[in-house]
């Protein structure tokens, strides 16, 4: 399965242990454990709040999903939890 990684840090939350690099490392580790293919580019979005989905990198990722450039989006939603979303399907891996 081809996997994209989306990481984000808002200006309102602390970045200790939640830096973009730390999130990416955790996501890459999950990809390796599942045997999924890591697709570049990364979707790294520093300093963006979840209050809106009008975030430039998020919007680019959605467009790429519509173009089927990857099969799954991997997101670290907490320090110990990962979320894997498959665009246009109801299946969620946790």
C-alpha atoms as a PDB file:
ATOM      1  CA  UNK A   1       0.000   0.000   0.000  1.00  0.00           C
ATOM      2  CA  UNK A   2       1.339   3.459  -0.915  1.00  0.00           C
ATOM      3  CA  UNK A   3       1.325   5.724   2.153  1.00  0.00           C
ATOM      4  CA  UNK A   4       1.581   9.486   2.579  1.00  0.00           C
ATOM      5  CA  UNK A   5       2.546  11.150   5.865  1.00  0.00           C
ATOM      6  CA  UNK A   6       0.820  14.274   7.202  1.00  0.00           C
ATOM      7  CA  UNK A   7       2.310  16.063  10.215  1.00  0.00           C
ATOM      8  CA  UNK A   8       1.209  19.307  11.806  1.00  0.00           C
ATOM      9  CA  UNK A   9       2.043  21.401  14.840  1.00  0.00           C
ATOM     10  CA  UNK A  10      -0.124  24.353  15.813  1.00  0.00           C
ATOM     11  CA  UNK A  11       1.254  27.459  17.436  1.00  0.00           C
ATOM     12  CA  UNK A  12      -1.037  26.784  20.406  1.00  0.00           C
ATOM     13  CA  UNK A  13       0.314  23.382  21.463  1.00  0.00           C
ATOM     14  CA  UNK A  14       3.717  22.519  22.882  1.00  0.00           C
ATOM     15  CA  UNK A  15       6.103  20.877  20.479  1.00  0.00           C
ATOM     16  CA  UNK A  16       8.071  18.810  23.010  1.00  0.00           C
ATOM     17  CA  UNK A  17       7.864  15.252  21.722  1.00  0.00           C
ATOM     18  CA  UNK A  18       5.471  16.432  19.015  1.00  0.00           C
ATOM     19  CA  UNK A  19       7.848  18.128  16.607  1.00  0.00           C
ATOM     20  CA  UNK A  20       7.292  17.582  12.910  1.00  0.00           C
ATOM     21  CA  UNK A  21      10.418  15.411  12.780  1.00  0.00           C
ATOM     22  CA  UNK A  22       9.314  13.297  15.763  1.00  0.00           C
ATOM     23  CA  UNK A  23       5.875  12.788  14.213  1.00  0.00           C
ATOM     24  CA  UNK A  24       7.407  11.841  10.871  1.00  0.00           C
ATOM     25  CA  UNK A  25       9.757   9.337  12.524  1.00  0.00           C
ATOM     26  CA  UNK A  26       6.806   7.645  14.265  1.00  0.00           C
ATOM     27  CA  UNK A  27       4.836   7.506  11.020  1.00  0.00           C
ATOM     28  CA  UNK A  28       7.783   6.040   9.079  1.00  0.00           C
ATOM     29  CA  UNK A  29       8.182   3.424  11.809  1.00  0.00           C
ATOM     30  CA  UNK A  30       4.528   2.426  11.408  1.00  0.00           C
ATOM     31  CA  UNK A  31       4.924   2.186   7.626  1.00  0.00           C
ATOM     32  CA  UNK A  32       7.880  -0.156   8.013  1.00  0.00           C
ATOM     33  CA  UNK A  33       6.011  -2.375  10.495  1.00  0.00           C
ATOM     34  CA  UNK A  34       3.070  -2.670   8.109  1.00  0.00           C
ATOM     35  CA  UNK A  35       5.199  -3.120   5.002  1.00  0.00           C
ATOM     36  CA  UNK A  36       3.707  -0.060   3.316  1.00  0.00           C
ATOM     37  CA  UNK A  37       5.548   1.949   0.672  1.00  0.00           C
ATOM     38  CA  UNK A  38       6.536   5.447   1.813  1.00  0.00           C
ATOM     39  CA  UNK A  39       5.465   8.053  -0.745  1.00  0.00           C
ATOM     40  CA  UNK A  40       7.083  11.454  -0.961  1.00  0.00           C
ATOM     41  CA  UNK A  41       6.713  14.365  -0.663  1.00  0.00           C
ATOM     42  CA  UNK A  42       5.886  14.662   3.013  1.00  0.00           C
ATOM     43  CA  UNK A  43       2.988  16.841   3.981  1.00  0.00           C
ATOM     44  CA  UNK A  44       4.579  18.837   6.825  1.00  0.00           C
ATOM     45  CA  UNK A  45       2.601  21.789   8.148  1.00  0.00           C
ATOM     46  CA  UNK A  46       4.210  23.863  10.905  1.00  0.00           C
ATOM     47  CA  UNK A  47       2.257  26.471  12.850  1.00  0.00           C
ATOM     48  CA  UNK A  48      -1.225  25.557  11.625  1.00  0.00           C
ATOM     49  CA  UNK A  49      -4.330  25.185  13.752  1.00  0.00           C
ATOM     50  CA  UNK A  50      -6.970  22.503  13.223  1.00  0.00           C
ATOM     51  CA  UNK A  51      -9.680  25.172  13.438  1.00  0.00           C
ATOM     52  CA  UNK A  52      -9.890  25.189   9.650  1.00  0.00           C
ATOM     53  CA  UNK A  53      -9.108  22.775   6.855  1.00  0.00           C
ATOM     54  CA  UNK A  54      -7.966  25.697   4.697  1.00  0.00           C
ATOM     55  CA  UNK A  55      -4.356  24.862   5.421  1.00  0.00           C
ATOM     56  CA  UNK A  56      -2.122  24.984   2.304  1.00  0.00           C
ATOM     57  CA  UNK A  57      -0.314  21.676   2.840  1.00  0.00           C
ATOM     58  CA  UNK A  58      -3.505  19.893   3.916  1.00  0.00           C
ATOM     59  CA  UNK A  59      -5.267  21.124   0.766  1.00  0.00           C
ATOM     60  CA  UNK A  60      -2.352  19.928  -1.412  1.00  0.00           C
ATOM     61  CA  UNK A  61      -2.556  16.523   0.271  1.00  0.00           C
ATOM     62  CA  UNK A  62      -6.308  16.317  -0.409  1.00  0.00           C
ATOM     63  CA  UNK A  63      -5.731  17.179  -4.087  1.00  0.00           C
ATOM     64  CA  UNK A  64      -3.028  14.490  -4.290  1.00  0.00           C
ATOM     65  CA  UNK A  65      -5.428  11.993  -2.674  1.00  0.00           C
ATOM     66  CA  UNK A  66      -8.030  12.809  -5.313  1.00  0.00           C
ATOM     67  CA  UNK A  67      -5.359  12.158  -7.960  1.00  0.00           C
ATOM     68  CA  UNK A  68      -4.667   8.799  -6.244  1.00  0.00           C
ATOM     69  CA  UNK A  69      -0.974   9.528  -5.671  1.00  0.00           C
ATOM     70  CA  UNK A  70      -1.189   7.370  -2.538  1.00  0.00           C
ATOM     71  CA  UNK A  71      -3.557   4.844  -0.966  1.00  0.00           C
ATOM     72  CA  UNK A  72      -3.428   5.784   2.702  1.00  0.00           C
ATOM     73  CA  UNK A  73      -2.631   8.850   4.850  1.00  0.00           C
ATOM     74  CA  UNK A  74      -0.733   8.245   8.089  1.00  0.00           C
ATOM     75  CA  UNK A  75      -1.143  10.828  10.867  1.00  0.00           C
ATOM     76  CA  UNK A  76       0.130  10.789  14.455  1.00  0.00           C
ATOM     77  CA  UNK A  77      -2.823  12.106  16.465  1.00  0.00           C
ATOM     78  CA  UNK A  78      -1.261  11.735  19.916  1.00  0.00           C
ATOM     79  CA  UNK A  79       2.186  10.813  21.156  1.00  0.00           C
ATOM     80  CA  UNK A  80       1.153   7.161  21.362  1.00  0.00           C
ATOM     81  CA  UNK A  81      -1.629   6.876  18.776  1.00  0.00           C
ATOM     82  CA  UNK A  82      -1.464   6.748  14.997  1.00  0.00           C
ATOM     83  CA  UNK A  83      -4.300   7.142  12.538  1.00  0.00           C
ATOM     84  CA  UNK A  84      -4.238   5.757   9.019  1.00  0.00           C
ATOM     85  CA  UNK A  85      -6.905   7.018   6.657  1.00  0.00           C
ATOM     86  CA  UNK A  86      -7.713   5.580   3.279  1.00  0.00           C
ATOM     87  CA  UNK A  87      -9.124   8.355   1.089  1.00  0.00           C
ATOM     88  CA  UNK A  88     -12.657   7.796  -0.264  1.00  0.00           C
ATOM     89  CA  UNK A  89     -13.250   4.656   1.816  1.00  0.00           C
ATOM     90  CA  UNK A  90     -14.699   4.227   5.304  1.00  0.00           C
ATOM     91  CA  UNK A  91     -11.864   1.983   6.529  1.00  0.00           C
ATOM     92  CA  UNK A  92      -9.625   3.412   9.255  1.00  0.00           C
ATOM     93  CA  UNK A  93      -6.562   1.595  10.633  1.00  0.00           C
ATOM     94  CA  UNK A  94      -5.533   2.421  14.203  1.00  0.00           C
END
